[in-house]
Amino acid sequence: MARQLHVELVAVEEKVWSGDADMLVARTTEGELGVLPGHAPLLGQLAEPGQVRIKRSGGQDLEFDVTGGFLSVSATGVTVLAESCTPASSASAR
């Protein structure tokens, strides 16, 4: 089994999603960032408005529209702390 990335997606009021993924893609103020298992630790500010895409095994990808917040990558996975987070509408999905 391939290594998985543990993802925590949290908005101010609630935990939105938690689980394992193959990859996470987010737009930061420095540009679009892809995070794979084993990524070097970093802290990034999310771009506004932004979108977080969680790529899961079996093609069940998730997309969320986010406003404000940060992305933290550590040895244990990646945490996205957003001011607001909602499932992406089909109009904004890529």
N, C-alpha and C. Protein backbone atom coordinates (compact mmCIF):
# COMPACT_ATOMS: atom_id res chain seq x y z
N MET A 1 0.84 -1.19 0.00
CA MET A 1 0.00 0.00 0.00
C MET A 1 0.88 1.24 0.00
N ALA A 2 0.53 2.21 -0.82
CA ALA A 2 1.28 3.45 -0.91
C ALA A 2 1.08 4.28 0.36
N ARG A 3 2.07 5.08 0.67
CA ARG A 3 1.96 5.97 1.82
C ARG A 3 0.82 6.94 1.62
N GLN A 4 0.16 7.28 2.70
CA GLN A 4 -0.96 8.22 2.67
C GLN A 4 -0.59 9.46 3.48
N LEU A 5 -1.25 10.55 3.15
CA LEU A 5 -1.08 11.83 3.82
C LEU A 5 -2.29 12.04 4.71
N HIS A 6 -2.08 12.27 6.01
CA HIS A 6 -3.22 12.53 6.89
C HIS A 6 -3.59 14.01 6.77
N VAL A 7 -4.86 14.28 6.50
CA VAL A 7 -5.35 15.64 6.27
C VAL A 7 -6.40 16.01 7.31
N GLU A 8 -6.28 17.19 7.86
CA GLU A 8 -7.28 17.78 8.75
C GLU A 8 -7.69 19.11 8.13
N LEU A 9 -8.97 19.26 7.81
CA LEU A 9 -9.51 20.50 7.26
C LEU A 9 -10.46 21.08 8.29
N VAL A 10 -10.09 22.24 8.84
CA VAL A 10 -10.83 22.81 9.96
C VAL A 10 -11.21 24.26 9.65
N ALA A 11 -12.49 24.58 9.88
CA ALA A 11 -12.96 25.97 9.79
C ALA A 11 -13.09 26.49 11.22
N VAL A 12 -13.37 27.77 11.36
CA VAL A 12 -13.45 28.39 12.68
C VAL A 12 -14.44 27.66 13.58
N GLU A 13 -15.57 27.27 13.04
CA GLU A 13 -16.64 26.71 13.86
C GLU A 13 -16.66 25.18 13.92
N GLU A 14 -15.95 24.47 13.02
CA GLU A 14 -16.09 23.02 12.98
C GLU A 14 -14.95 22.34 12.23
N LYS A 15 -14.79 21.05 12.52
CA LYS A 15 -13.89 20.22 11.72
C LYS A 15 -14.69 19.83 10.48
N VAL A 16 -14.19 20.19 9.30
CA VAL A 16 -14.91 19.96 8.05
C VAL A 16 -14.64 18.57 7.50
N TRP A 17 -13.38 18.15 7.50
CA TRP A 17 -13.04 16.83 6.97
C TRP A 17 -11.72 16.37 7.59
N SER A 18 -11.64 15.08 7.82
CA SER A 18 -10.42 14.48 8.34
C SER A 18 -10.28 13.09 7.73
N GLY A 19 -9.08 12.77 7.29
CA GLY A 19 -8.87 11.45 6.73
C GLY A 19 -7.54 11.36 6.00
N ASP A 20 -7.34 10.25 5.32
CA ASP A 20 -6.11 10.03 4.58
C ASP A 20 -6.32 10.32 3.10
N ALA A 21 -5.29 10.83 2.45
CA ALA A 21 -5.36 11.20 1.04
C ALA A 21 -4.03 10.90 0.37
N ASP A 22 -4.08 10.88 -0.97
CA ASP A 22 -2.85 10.72 -1.75
C ASP A 22 -2.11 12.04 -1.88
N MET A 23 -2.88 13.15 -1.93
CA MET A 23 -2.30 14.47 -2.18
C MET A 23 -3.28 15.55 -1.80
N LEU A 24 -2.78 16.70 -1.40
CA LEU A 24 -3.59 17.88 -1.15
C LEU A 24 -3.03 19.02 -1.99
N VAL A 25 -3.91 19.77 -2.64
CA VAL A 25 -3.51 20.92 -3.44
C VAL A 25 -4.23 22.14 -2.89
N ALA A 26 -3.49 23.22 -2.62
CA ALA A 26 -4.07 24.44 -2.09
C ALA A 26 -3.38 25.64 -2.72
N ARG A 27 -4.11 26.74 -2.84
CA ARG A 27 -3.52 27.98 -3.35
C ARG A 27 -3.14 28.85 -2.17
N THR A 28 -1.85 29.18 -2.10
CA THR A 28 -1.34 30.05 -1.04
C THR A 28 -0.98 31.39 -1.65
N THR A 29 -0.59 32.32 -0.80
CA THR A 29 -0.18 33.63 -1.28
C THR A 29 1.10 33.54 -2.11
N GLU A 30 1.82 32.42 -2.01
CA GLU A 30 3.04 32.21 -2.77
C GLU A 30 2.80 31.43 -4.06
N GLY A 31 1.56 30.97 -4.27
CA GLY A 31 1.23 30.19 -5.46
C GLY A 31 0.58 28.87 -5.08
N GLU A 32 0.23 28.08 -6.11
CA GLU A 32 -0.42 26.80 -5.85
C GLU A 32 0.61 25.81 -5.31
N LEU A 33 0.19 25.03 -4.31
CA LEU A 33 1.09 24.13 -3.62
C LEU A 33 0.49 22.73 -3.59
N GLY A 34 1.25 21.74 -3.97
CA GLY A 34 0.85 20.35 -3.87
C GLY A 34 1.62 19.69 -2.75
N VAL A 35 0.90 18.97 -1.88
CA VAL A 35 1.54 18.31 -0.74
C VAL A 35 1.33 16.81 -0.87
N LEU A 36 2.44 16.08 -0.90
CA LEU A 36 2.44 14.62 -0.95
C LEU A 36 2.97 14.07 0.37
N PRO A 37 2.74 12.79 0.67
CA PRO A 37 3.32 12.21 1.88
C PRO A 37 4.84 12.43 1.89
N GLY A 38 5.39 12.78 3.05
CA GLY A 38 6.82 13.02 3.19
C GLY A 38 7.26 14.43 2.83
N HIS A 39 6.31 15.34 2.55
CA HIS A 39 6.64 16.73 2.20
C HIS A 39 7.38 17.39 3.36
N ALA A 40 8.30 18.28 3.04
CA ALA A 40 9.03 19.03 4.06
C ALA A 40 8.06 19.91 4.86
N PRO A 41 8.31 20.08 6.15
CA PRO A 41 7.45 20.94 6.98
C PRO A 41 7.42 22.37 6.44
N LEU A 42 6.25 22.98 6.51
CA LEU A 42 6.12 24.38 6.10
C LEU A 42 4.84 24.96 6.66
N LEU A 43 4.77 26.28 6.64
CA LEU A 43 3.57 27.02 7.04
C LEU A 43 3.29 28.02 5.94
N GLY A 44 2.07 28.01 5.41
CA GLY A 44 1.71 28.92 4.33
C GLY A 44 0.39 29.61 4.59
N GLN A 45 0.25 30.82 4.09
CA GLN A 45 -1.01 31.57 4.20
C GLN A 45 -1.86 31.26 2.98
N LEU A 46 -3.13 30.89 3.19
CA LEU A 46 -4.03 30.60 2.09
C LEU A 46 -4.40 31.87 1.35
N ALA A 47 -4.46 31.79 0.02
CA ALA A 47 -4.87 32.92 -0.80
C ALA A 47 -6.38 33.09 -0.68
N GLU A 48 -6.86 34.32 -0.89
CA GLU A 48 -8.30 34.59 -0.83
C GLU A 48 -8.79 35.11 -2.15
N PRO A 49 -9.90 34.63 -2.68
CA PRO A 49 -10.51 33.37 -2.25
C PRO A 49 -9.66 32.22 -2.74
N GLY A 50 -9.80 31.08 -2.13
CA GLY A 50 -8.98 29.95 -2.50
C GLY A 50 -9.78 28.67 -2.56
N GLN A 51 -9.10 27.62 -2.96
CA GLN A 51 -9.72 26.31 -3.03
C GLN A 51 -8.72 25.26 -2.57
N VAL A 52 -9.21 24.29 -1.82
CA VAL A 52 -8.39 23.16 -1.37
C VAL A 52 -8.95 21.92 -2.05
N ARG A 53 -8.06 21.17 -2.69
CA ARG A 53 -8.46 19.92 -3.35
C ARG A 53 -7.75 18.76 -2.67
N ILE A 54 -8.53 17.78 -2.27
CA ILE A 54 -8.01 16.60 -1.61
C ILE A 54 -8.15 15.44 -2.57
N LYS A 55 -7.03 14.89 -3.00
CA LYS A 55 -7.04 13.78 -3.96
C LYS A 55 -6.94 12.47 -3.18
N ARG A 56 -7.99 11.66 -3.30
CA ARG A 56 -8.08 10.41 -2.55
C ARG A 56 -7.94 9.21 -3.47
N SER A 57 -7.56 8.08 -2.91
CA SER A 57 -7.47 6.84 -3.66
C SER A 57 -8.84 6.48 -4.22
N GLY A 58 -8.86 5.89 -5.39
CA GLY A 58 -10.12 5.49 -5.98
C GLY A 58 -10.85 6.60 -6.70
N GLY A 59 -10.22 7.77 -6.87
CA GLY A 59 -10.82 8.85 -7.64
C GLY A 59 -11.90 9.64 -6.95
N GLN A 60 -12.06 9.50 -5.63
CA GLN A 60 -13.06 10.26 -4.90
C GLN A 60 -12.43 11.55 -4.38
N ASP A 61 -12.19 12.48 -5.28
CA ASP A 61 -11.57 13.74 -4.90
C ASP A 61 -12.59 14.67 -4.25
N LEU A 62 -12.11 15.50 -3.33
CA LEU A 62 -12.95 16.47 -2.63
C LEU A 62 -12.43 17.86 -2.93
N GLU A 63 -13.34 18.83 -3.09
CA GLU A 63 -12.95 20.22 -3.33
C GLU A 63 -13.73 21.11 -2.39
N PHE A 64 -13.01 22.06 -1.78
CA PHE A 64 -13.61 22.99 -0.84
C PHE A 64 -13.19 24.42 -1.19
N ASP A 65 -14.13 25.34 -1.12
CA ASP A 65 -13.82 26.77 -1.25
C ASP A 65 -13.48 27.27 0.15
N VAL A 66 -12.34 27.95 0.27
CA VAL A 66 -11.90 28.44 1.58
C VAL A 66 -11.65 29.94 1.52
N THR A 67 -11.82 30.56 2.66
CA THR A 67 -11.53 31.99 2.81
C THR A 67 -10.59 32.15 3.99
N GLY A 68 -9.47 32.81 3.75
CA GLY A 68 -8.52 33.09 4.81
C GLY A 68 -7.95 31.84 5.45
N GLY A 69 -6.95 32.03 6.26
CA GLY A 69 -6.40 30.92 7.03
C GLY A 69 -5.01 30.51 6.62
N PHE A 70 -4.61 29.35 7.14
CA PHE A 70 -3.25 28.86 6.97
C PHE A 70 -3.23 27.38 6.65
N LEU A 71 -2.10 26.95 6.13
CA LEU A 71 -1.83 25.55 5.83
C LEU A 71 -0.55 25.19 6.57
N SER A 72 -0.59 24.11 7.33
CA SER A 72 0.59 23.67 8.08
C SER A 72 0.92 22.23 7.71
N VAL A 73 2.14 22.01 7.25
CA VAL A 73 2.61 20.67 6.90
C VAL A 73 3.62 20.25 7.96
N SER A 74 3.40 19.07 8.54
CA SER A 74 4.33 18.54 9.54
C SER A 74 4.63 17.08 9.20
N ALA A 75 5.42 16.45 10.03
CA ALA A 75 5.77 15.05 9.80
C ALA A 75 4.55 14.14 9.90
N THR A 76 3.50 14.58 10.59
CA THR A 76 2.31 13.74 10.78
C THR A 76 1.24 13.99 9.72
N GLY A 77 1.39 15.00 8.88
CA GLY A 77 0.39 15.27 7.84
C GLY A 77 0.23 16.75 7.59
N VAL A 78 -0.94 17.13 7.10
CA VAL A 78 -1.21 18.52 6.77
C VAL A 78 -2.52 18.96 7.43
N THR A 79 -2.49 20.17 7.99
CA THR A 79 -3.67 20.76 8.60
C THR A 79 -3.98 22.07 7.88
N VAL A 80 -5.23 22.24 7.48
CA VAL A 80 -5.69 23.47 6.87
C VAL A 80 -6.63 24.13 7.88
N LEU A 81 -6.28 25.33 8.32
CA LEU A 81 -7.09 26.10 9.25
C LEU A 81 -7.65 27.30 8.48
N ALA A 82 -8.94 27.26 8.15
CA ALA A 82 -9.56 28.30 7.33
C ALA A 82 -10.58 29.09 8.15
N GLU A 83 -10.76 30.36 7.76
CA GLU A 83 -11.80 31.17 8.41
C GLU A 83 -13.17 30.62 8.05
N SER A 84 -13.36 30.26 6.78
CA SER A 84 -14.61 29.61 6.35
C SER A 84 -14.27 28.56 5.30
N CYS A 85 -15.12 27.55 5.24
CA CYS A 85 -14.87 26.43 4.33
C CYS A 85 -16.20 25.80 3.95
N THR A 86 -16.44 25.70 2.65
CA THR A 86 -17.67 25.08 2.14
C THR A 86 -17.33 24.18 0.97
N PRO A 87 -18.13 23.13 0.75
CA PRO A 87 -17.89 22.29 -0.43
C PRO A 87 -17.94 23.16 -1.69
N ALA A 88 -17.03 22.90 -2.63
CA ALA A 88 -16.94 23.72 -3.84
C ALA A 88 -18.19 23.52 -4.68
N SER A 89 -18.68 24.62 -5.25
CA SER A 89 -19.82 24.53 -6.16
C SER A 89 -19.31 24.03 -7.51
N SER A 90 -20.19 23.46 -8.31
CA SER A 90 -19.78 22.92 -9.60
C SER A 90 -19.27 24.03 -10.53
N ALA A 91 -19.72 25.25 -10.31
CA ALA A 91 -19.26 26.38 -11.15
C ALA A 91 -17.81 26.72 -10.88
N SER A 92 -17.34 26.49 -9.63
CA SER A 92 -15.95 26.84 -9.33
C SER A 92 -15.03 25.64 -9.37
N ALA A 93 -15.57 24.46 -9.57
CA ALA A 93 -14.74 23.25 -9.63
C ALA A 93 -13.91 23.25 -10.90
N ARG A 94 -12.72 22.70 -10.80
CA ARG A 94 -11.83 22.65 -11.96
C ARG A 94 -12.03 21.40 -12.73
